[in-house]
Amino acid sequence: MPISAVIHLVPLEDVTLRPTMGHHAHAAFLSLLRMGDPAKAEEVHAASRQKPFTVSPLIGKGERRGNLLRIRAGTECWLRYTFLDDELFAYFGSAFLTQSLPSIRLGEARFQLSRMVASSGVDTDWSGTHTYENLFESAQPDTRIRMEFRSPTAFRELTPQGKKTRNQANIDLIRCYQSWVNKWNAFAPMQIDKGRMLDFITHQAGLTEVKSESKMLDFGKHKEIGFVGSCTYQFLSDRQTESGEEVEMLRLANLLANFAFYCGTGYKTTMGMGQTRKT
């Protein structure tokens, strides 16, 4: 069951942080998971392929001071964690049951957790839950889709020499759908034919509007570039003549766009990048 949980937290004292906190939020996630089940935390950390969670950057009001962000004590902030496996969420949530208001570190700063929200429409439109079956059955054959990329999003590609990798930091529908279908097939109980889906997107989908900009993320030891913004794309479809197969492919394309809310898009989604939703 895909789950999006928003964690509310406040700093215990005035803190000064780098604006890019995804790697620290990742460490905080593992710390909370370790409180619930140390063995599960180690298993998730060691997994080398598709990870069953995503992490948002720290979100909260602060004062920019050069390349740093100052947040005053008591200012409510939040982190968003998504889970592609409800068993993992159960382990994570047990940290809130075994400890009274646990605290976590983000870098050198300590934050007190106040509450966790995983219900739709409560305080934020970034929390919610679905079953894989419900996502599959409720998908509509919409021919127009708009996506929002809230945190910097990028795809990895080889350089022309093929010896190193670099970030592709522009909206690419094929790479988006490749990212989403890979996550879906890794965790959902029903599979989607990846080849057919990417072929459908290649020949039937086209961008009609793009509003994006590049943004650099400083992770301390390295930097990453990605894009933030939104895009709208249209499918070439004639409702008078489309076949049952075309309708089904449209439904699956919308299903994966809906699923992006939980799985994120592209590279380093467990470090704060690629936070995505259909709007």
Protein backbone atom coordinates (compact mmCIF):
# COMPACT_ATOMS: atom_id res chain seq x y z
CA MET A 1 0.00 0.00 0.00
CA PRO A 2 1.55 3.38 -0.98
CA ILE A 3 1.53 5.85 1.93
CA SER A 4 2.60 9.48 2.18
CA ALA A 5 3.26 10.66 5.73
CA VAL A 6 4.03 14.22 6.76
CA ILE A 7 6.12 14.58 9.92
CA HIS A 8 5.70 17.84 11.85
CA LEU A 9 8.74 18.92 13.88
CA VAL A 10 10.20 21.98 15.60
CA PRO A 11 13.81 22.91 16.39
CA LEU A 12 14.58 22.94 20.11
CA GLU A 13 16.78 26.02 19.66
CA ASP A 14 17.70 28.45 16.90
CA VAL A 15 19.44 26.50 14.14
CA THR A 16 21.43 27.42 11.04
CA LEU A 17 21.33 24.85 8.26
CA ARG A 18 22.21 24.38 4.64
CA PRO A 19 19.00 24.76 2.57
CA THR A 20 19.68 21.31 1.05
CA MET A 21 18.84 18.88 3.83
CA GLY A 22 17.79 15.80 1.88
CA HIS A 23 20.76 13.68 2.95
CA HIS A 24 20.14 14.59 6.60
CA ALA A 25 16.42 13.83 6.19
CA HIS A 26 17.47 10.45 4.77
CA ALA A 27 19.60 9.79 7.86
CA ALA A 28 16.71 10.89 10.09
CA PHE A 29 14.42 8.43 8.31
CA LEU A 30 16.79 5.56 9.02
CA SER A 31 17.15 6.73 12.61
CA LEU A 32 13.38 6.63 13.16
CA LEU A 33 13.12 3.28 11.40
CA ARG A 34 15.89 1.97 13.63
CA MET A 35 13.84 2.93 16.70
CA GLY A 36 11.03 0.75 15.37
CA ASP A 37 13.11 -2.16 14.08
CA PRO A 38 16.93 -2.08 13.82
CA ALA A 39 17.07 -5.09 11.49
CA LYS A 40 14.59 -3.54 9.05
CA ALA A 41 16.55 -0.27 9.04
CA GLU A 42 19.73 -2.14 8.13
CA GLU A 43 17.93 -4.11 5.41
CA VAL A 44 16.52 -0.95 3.81
CA HIS A 45 19.84 0.87 4.06
CA ALA A 46 21.69 -2.02 2.42
CA ALA A 47 19.22 -2.46 -0.46
CA SER A 48 21.09 -1.70 -3.69
CA ARG A 49 18.25 -1.41 -6.18
CA GLN A 50 14.77 0.13 -5.94
CA LYS A 51 14.21 1.64 -2.49
CA PRO A 52 10.68 1.39 -1.00
CA PHE A 53 10.57 5.00 0.26
CA THR A 54 11.19 8.63 -0.68
CA VAL A 55 12.27 11.64 1.37
CA SER A 56 11.48 15.34 1.00
CA PRO A 57 13.78 18.22 1.91
CA LEU A 58 13.07 20.00 5.20
CA ILE A 59 10.28 22.53 4.66
CA GLY A 60 9.82 25.46 7.01
CA LYS A 61 9.99 29.24 7.27
CA GLY A 62 13.44 30.63 7.90
CA GLU A 63 15.77 33.52 7.17
CA ARG A 64 18.24 33.14 4.32
CA ARG A 65 21.77 34.18 5.25
CA GLY A 66 23.94 33.70 2.22
CA ASN A 67 24.02 29.96 1.51
CA LEU A 68 22.53 29.10 4.89
CA LEU A 69 19.03 29.01 6.36
CA ARG A 70 18.32 30.15 9.93
CA ILE A 71 15.23 28.72 11.64
CA ARG A 72 14.17 30.02 15.03
CA ALA A 73 13.36 27.72 17.95
CA GLY A 74 9.73 26.60 17.99
CA THR A 75 9.12 27.22 14.25
CA GLU A 76 7.01 24.39 12.88
CA CYS A 77 8.68 22.57 10.00
CA TRP A 78 7.86 19.37 8.23
CA LEU A 79 9.32 16.45 6.36
CA ARG A 80 7.50 14.15 4.00
CA TYR A 81 8.26 10.44 3.81
CA THR A 82 6.51 8.12 1.38
CA PHE A 83 6.35 4.35 1.61
CA LEU A 84 5.75 1.86 -1.20
CA ASP A 85 5.34 -0.97 1.30
CA ASP A 86 2.86 -0.67 4.18
CA GLU A 87 4.92 -3.12 6.25
CA LEU A 88 7.79 -0.62 6.14
CA PHE A 89 5.42 2.12 7.29
CA ALA A 90 4.36 -0.06 10.24
CA TYR A 91 7.98 -0.40 11.36
CA PHE A 92 8.54 3.34 10.91
CA GLY A 93 5.35 4.30 12.75
CA SER A 94 6.22 2.14 15.74
CA ALA A 95 8.88 4.71 16.68
CA PHE A 96 6.00 7.04 17.58
CA LEU A 97 4.44 4.31 19.73
CA THR A 98 7.55 3.18 21.58
CA GLN A 99 8.74 6.69 22.39
CA SER A 100 6.88 9.78 23.53
CA LEU A 101 7.54 12.49 20.94
CA PRO A 102 10.90 11.23 19.67
CA SER A 103 13.55 13.72 18.57
CA ILE A 104 15.82 13.54 15.54
CA ARG A 105 18.95 15.23 14.25
CA LEU A 106 19.24 17.00 10.92
CA GLY A 107 22.94 17.61 10.65
CA GLU A 108 23.95 19.29 13.90
CA ALA A 109 20.43 20.52 14.69
CA ARG A 110 18.02 18.64 16.93
CA PHE A 111 14.28 18.72 16.23
CA GLN A 112 11.38 17.54 18.36
CA LEU A 113 8.75 15.55 16.47
CA SER A 114 5.23 16.69 17.31
CA ARG A 115 2.98 14.54 15.12
CA MET A 116 2.73 12.43 12.00
CA VAL A 117 -0.13 12.78 9.49
CA ALA A 118 -0.82 10.14 6.83
CA SER A 119 -4.44 11.01 6.02
CA SER A 120 -5.61 12.79 2.89
CA GLY A 121 -6.66 16.42 3.28
CA VAL A 122 -5.42 16.89 6.86
CA ASP A 123 -3.31 20.07 7.15
CA THR A 124 -1.47 19.36 3.90
CA ASP A 125 -2.27 18.02 0.46
CA TRP A 126 1.00 16.09 0.46
CA SER A 127 -0.20 13.28 2.75
CA GLY A 128 -2.47 10.37 1.89
CA THR A 129 -2.80 6.64 1.27
CA HIS A 130 -4.02 4.34 -1.49
CA THR A 131 -3.93 0.65 -2.12
CA TYR A 132 -2.29 -0.50 -5.34
CA GLU A 133 -5.62 -2.01 -6.33
CA ASN A 134 -7.45 1.29 -5.79
CA LEU A 135 -4.88 3.22 -7.81
CA PHE A 136 -5.27 0.69 -10.61
CA GLU A 137 -9.07 0.57 -10.60
CA SER A 138 -9.70 4.31 -10.19
CA ALA A 139 -7.37 5.53 -12.96
CA GLN A 140 -9.22 7.47 -15.67
CA PRO A 141 -8.35 7.70 -19.40
CA ASP A 142 -7.66 11.45 -19.24
CA THR A 143 -5.95 12.78 -22.36
CA ARG A 144 -4.47 15.83 -20.62
CA ILE A 145 -2.17 15.55 -17.58
CA ARG A 146 -0.39 18.22 -15.55
CA MET A 147 2.51 17.33 -13.25
CA GLU A 148 4.25 19.38 -10.58
CA PHE A 149 7.89 18.76 -9.64
CA ARG A 150 8.21 20.30 -6.20
CA SER A 151 11.83 19.45 -5.39
CA PRO A 152 14.73 19.38 -7.88
CA THR A 153 14.35 16.45 -10.25
CA ALA A 154 16.97 14.89 -12.51
CA PHE A 155 17.81 11.74 -14.46
CA ARG A 156 21.24 10.17 -14.72
CA GLU A 157 22.83 9.57 -18.11
CA LEU A 158 26.23 8.64 -19.49
CA THR A 159 28.48 11.31 -20.95
CA PRO A 160 29.21 11.03 -24.71
CA GLN A 161 32.43 9.15 -23.85
CA GLY A 162 30.41 6.74 -21.72
CA LYS A 163 32.89 6.83 -18.85
CA LYS A 164 31.04 9.04 -16.38
CA THR A 165 27.47 9.90 -15.49
CA ARG A 166 25.86 13.32 -15.35
CA ASN A 167 22.45 14.76 -14.54
CA GLN A 168 19.88 15.39 -17.24
CA ALA A 169 18.03 18.34 -15.70
CA ASN A 170 15.12 18.92 -18.05
CA ILE A 171 11.59 17.51 -18.27
CA ASP A 172 11.59 14.33 -20.34
CA LEU A 173 8.33 12.39 -20.46
CA ILE A 174 10.00 9.15 -21.48
CA ARG A 175 12.40 9.30 -18.55
CA CYS A 176 9.55 10.24 -16.18
CA TYR A 177 7.48 7.24 -17.22
CA GLN A 178 10.50 4.98 -17.16
CA SER A 179 11.11 6.03 -13.56
CA TRP A 180 7.48 5.54 -12.53
CA VAL A 181 6.93 2.17 -14.24
CA ASN A 182 10.17 0.78 -12.77
CA LYS A 183 8.98 1.65 -9.26
CA TRP A 184 5.47 0.33 -9.94
CA ASN A 185 6.76 -3.03 -11.22
CA ALA A 186 9.14 -3.32 -8.27
CA PHE A 187 6.45 -3.01 -5.60
CA ALA A 188 2.90 -3.35 -7.00
CA PRO A 189 1.21 -6.77 -7.09
CA MET A 190 0.15 -6.26 -10.74
CA GLN A 191 2.70 -5.56 -13.47
CA ILE A 192 2.67 -3.05 -16.33
CA ASP A 193 4.37 -3.89 -19.63
CA LYS A 194 7.24 -1.39 -19.60
CA GLY A 195 8.01 -1.66 -23.31
CA ARG A 196 4.41 -1.06 -24.36
CA MET A 197 4.06 1.86 -21.97
CA LEU A 198 7.21 3.65 -23.14
CA ASP A 199 6.27 3.04 -26.76
CA PHE A 200 2.82 4.54 -26.10
CA ILE A 201 4.33 7.62 -24.46
CA THR A 202 6.86 8.00 -27.29
CA HIS A 203 4.24 7.99 -30.03
CA GLN A 204 1.13 9.37 -28.33
CA ALA A 205 2.21 11.95 -25.72
CA GLY A 206 3.52 15.46 -26.30
CA LEU A 207 4.37 18.36 -24.02
CA THR A 208 2.06 21.35 -24.45
CA GLU A 209 3.35 23.54 -21.62
CA VAL A 210 6.55 23.61 -19.59
CA LYS A 211 7.32 25.95 -16.70
CA SER A 212 10.58 24.94 -15.10
CA GLU A 213 13.91 26.22 -13.92
CA SER A 214 17.18 24.63 -12.91
CA LYS A 215 18.23 24.47 -9.29
CA MET A 216 21.51 23.41 -7.75
CA LEU A 217 21.54 21.32 -4.58
CA ASP A 218 24.56 21.37 -2.28
CA PHE A 219 24.88 18.08 -0.41
CA GLY A 220 28.12 19.15 1.27
CA LYS A 221 30.52 16.70 -0.37
CA HIS A 222 28.94 17.03 -3.81
CA LYS A 223 26.42 19.09 -5.76
CA GLU A 224 23.45 18.00 -7.87
CA ILE A 225 21.47 19.97 -10.43
CA GLY A 226 17.79 19.36 -11.15
CA PHE A 227 14.65 21.08 -12.39
CA VAL A 228 11.63 22.33 -10.47
CA GLY A 229 8.32 23.49 -11.93
CA SER A 230 5.48 21.91 -13.86
CA CYS A 231 4.50 20.54 -17.23
CA THR A 232 1.32 19.70 -19.10
CA TYR A 233 1.16 17.01 -21.75
CA GLN A 234 -1.53 15.82 -24.14
CA PHE A 235 -2.21 12.43 -25.66
CA LEU A 236 -3.10 12.16 -29.33
CA SER A 237 -6.48 10.53 -28.93
CA ASP A 238 -9.80 10.66 -30.72
CA ARG A 239 -12.55 9.52 -28.37
CA GLN A 240 -14.73 8.66 -31.37
CA THR A 241 -12.30 6.14 -32.83
CA GLU A 242 -9.96 5.03 -30.03
CA SER A 243 -9.83 1.31 -29.39
CA GLY A 244 -10.22 -0.52 -26.11
CA GLU A 245 -6.45 -1.02 -26.04
CA GLU A 246 -5.85 2.73 -26.42
CA VAL A 247 -8.26 3.47 -23.58
CA GLU A 248 -6.45 0.95 -21.38
CA MET A 249 -3.07 2.51 -22.18
CA LEU A 250 -4.45 5.95 -21.32
CA ARG A 251 -5.68 4.58 -18.00
CA LEU A 252 -2.26 3.09 -17.27
CA ALA A 253 -0.53 6.36 -18.21
CA ASN A 254 -2.78 8.20 -15.75
CA LEU A 255 -2.24 5.49 -13.14
CA LEU A 256 1.53 6.00 -13.25
CA ALA A 257 1.13 9.79 -13.12
CA ASN A 258 -0.99 9.34 -9.98
CA PHE A 259 1.56 6.91 -8.54
CA ALA A 260 4.32 9.53 -8.93
CA PHE A 261 2.89 11.18 -5.79
CA TYR A 262 4.24 8.22 -3.83
CA CYS A 263 7.27 7.03 -5.80
CA GLY A 264 8.80 10.36 -6.85
CA THR A 265 10.64 10.92 -10.12
CA GLY A 266 14.15 10.23 -11.26
CA TYR A 267 17.39 10.31 -9.32
CA LYS A 268 18.02 10.47 -5.54
CA THR A 269 14.38 10.39 -4.45
CA THR A 270 15.58 9.06 -1.08
CA MET A 271 17.69 12.21 -0.64
CA GLY A 272 14.99 14.84 -1.16
CA MET A 273 14.94 15.03 -4.96
CA GLY A 274 12.06 14.27 -7.33
CA GLN A 275 9.03 15.09 -5.13
CA THR A 276 6.19 14.96 -7.67
CA ARG A 277 2.42 15.05 -7.97
CA LYS A 278 -0.31 15.17 -10.57
CA THR A 279 -2.34 18.38 -10.27
